[in-house]
Amino acid sequence: MARAATTSDAFNAIAEPQRRDILALLRAGEWPVTDLAQELGMSQPRASKHLRVLREVGLVRVREVGKQRLYGLDAQGLRPIHEWVGGFERFWNGSFDRLETYVQDLKQTQQQED
């Protein structure tokens, strides 16, 4: 089966670790591409390519300020990922609840043995 293009959806776009790093930086606010590239230790053209992919799937927006383009997070594009991960969150919460019960039972058993 052929792999989907990275620009087809948010899931494919964030499969690339450097794109996730870009999104993490953009949580704090807008960045120009040159600063993003420098912060992540990559070339400006490489950062631009990653930003283009993120923009095409709706995870990043761009705003022009004079001659500079500022990139910012468009969190609405993360909704499908958030909804998908939500099912796993319920799984993990249930697992942590069971772990908490187990730990409490162990503590209670230890107290009774002391």
Protein backbone atom coordinates (compact mmCIF):
# COMPACT_ATOMS: atom_id res chain seq x y z
CA MET A 1 0.00 0.00 0.00
CA ALA A 2 1.39 3.40 -0.96
CA ARG A 3 2.07 5.86 1.81
CA ALA A 4 -0.14 8.94 1.85
CA ALA A 5 1.49 12.23 1.02
CA THR A 6 2.60 14.19 4.05
CA THR A 7 0.29 16.98 3.04
CA SER A 8 -2.82 14.81 3.03
CA ASP A 9 -3.77 15.29 6.68
CA ALA A 10 -2.55 16.40 10.09
CA PHE A 11 -1.66 12.85 11.15
CA ASN A 12 0.83 12.44 8.31
CA ALA A 13 2.18 15.95 8.77
CA ILE A 14 3.02 15.48 12.46
CA ALA A 15 4.62 12.09 11.83
CA GLU A 16 7.82 14.05 11.13
CA PRO A 17 9.58 14.87 14.46
CA GLN A 18 10.89 18.24 13.24
CA ARG A 19 7.35 19.34 12.42
CA ARG A 20 6.27 18.42 15.93
CA ASP A 21 9.18 20.50 17.23
CA ILE A 22 8.00 23.45 15.15
CA LEU A 23 4.46 23.10 16.52
CA ALA A 24 5.83 22.96 20.07
CA LEU A 25 7.68 26.25 19.54
CA LEU A 26 4.64 27.88 17.95
CA ARG A 27 2.57 27.17 21.08
CA ALA A 28 4.34 30.13 22.66
CA GLY A 29 3.46 32.51 19.82
CA GLU A 30 4.43 33.58 16.34
CA TRP A 31 7.92 33.06 14.94
CA PRO A 32 9.66 34.12 11.72
CA VAL A 33 11.05 31.21 9.73
CA THR A 34 14.65 32.30 10.24
CA ASP A 35 14.30 32.20 14.03
CA LEU A 36 12.53 28.82 13.92
CA ALA A 37 15.28 27.40 11.72
CA GLN A 38 17.99 28.70 14.00
CA GLU A 39 16.28 27.46 17.16
CA LEU A 40 15.86 23.98 15.68
CA GLY A 41 19.30 23.83 14.07
CA MET A 42 18.09 23.45 10.51
CA SER A 43 18.46 25.43 7.33
CA GLN A 44 15.92 28.10 6.48
CA PRO A 45 14.79 26.29 3.28
CA ARG A 46 14.20 23.08 5.27
CA ALA A 47 12.19 24.97 7.90
CA SER A 48 10.19 26.63 5.13
CA LYS A 49 9.33 23.24 3.62
CA HIS A 50 8.13 21.95 6.99
CA LEU A 51 6.08 25.10 7.54
CA ARG A 52 4.51 24.75 4.09
CA VAL A 53 3.36 21.20 4.90
CA LEU A 54 1.99 22.31 8.26
CA ARG A 55 0.21 25.25 6.63
CA GLU A 56 -1.31 23.06 3.91
CA VAL A 57 -2.92 20.73 6.46
CA GLY A 58 -4.21 23.64 8.56
CA LEU A 59 -1.87 23.42 11.56
CA VAL A 60 -0.01 26.68 10.93
CA ARG A 61 -1.13 30.10 9.79
CA VAL A 62 1.05 32.83 8.36
CA ARG A 63 0.80 36.59 8.83
CA GLU A 64 2.79 39.19 6.95
CA VAL A 65 4.27 42.06 8.92
CA GLY A 66 6.12 44.32 6.53
CA LYS A 67 8.57 42.10 4.68
CA GLN A 68 8.53 39.45 7.38
CA ARG A 69 6.24 36.43 7.52
CA LEU A 70 5.27 35.29 11.01
CA TYR A 71 4.11 31.73 11.53
CA GLY A 72 1.70 30.81 14.28
CA LEU A 73 -0.07 27.71 15.53
CA ASP A 74 -3.60 27.06 14.25
CA ALA A 75 -4.71 24.65 16.96
CA GLN A 76 -8.09 24.05 15.31
CA GLY A 77 -6.26 21.81 12.84
CA LEU A 78 -5.24 19.56 15.72
CA ARG A 79 -8.87 18.69 16.54
CA PRO A 80 -8.89 15.35 14.61
CA ILE A 81 -5.73 14.28 16.43
CA HIS A 82 -7.11 15.37 19.79
CA GLU A 83 -10.32 13.44 19.21
CA TRP A 84 -8.44 10.31 18.14
CA VAL A 85 -6.05 10.48 21.10
CA GLY A 86 -9.04 11.01 23.41
CA GLY A 87 -9.94 7.33 23.12
CA PHE A 88 -6.48 6.38 24.33
CA GLU A 89 -6.68 8.93 27.11
CA ARG A 90 -9.74 7.13 28.47
CA PHE A 91 -7.77 3.87 28.29
CA TRP A 92 -4.82 5.34 30.18
CA ASN A 93 -7.02 7.00 32.79
CA GLY A 94 -8.63 3.62 33.46
CA SER A 95 -5.19 2.02 33.72
CA PHE A 96 -4.00 4.68 36.15
CA ASP A 97 -7.16 4.26 38.21
CA ARG A 98 -6.48 0.51 38.46
CA LEU A 99 -2.85 1.20 39.36
CA GLU A 100 -3.92 3.63 42.08
CA THR A 101 -6.28 1.00 43.53
CA TYR A 102 -3.47 -1.58 43.45
CA VAL A 103 -1.03 0.78 45.21
CA GLN A 104 -3.61 1.61 47.88
CA ASP A 105 -4.24 -2.11 48.42
CA LEU A 106 -0.49 -2.71 48.79
CA LYS A 107 -0.17 0.12 51.32
CA GLN A 108 -3.09 -1.23 53.28
CA THR A 109 -1.61 -4.74 53.29
CA GLN A 110 1.77 -3.38 54.46
CA GLN A 111 0.12 -1.44 57.27
CA GLN A 112 -1.73 -4.54 58.42
CA GLU A 113 1.52 -6.56 58.42
CA ASP A 114 3.39 -3.93 60.50
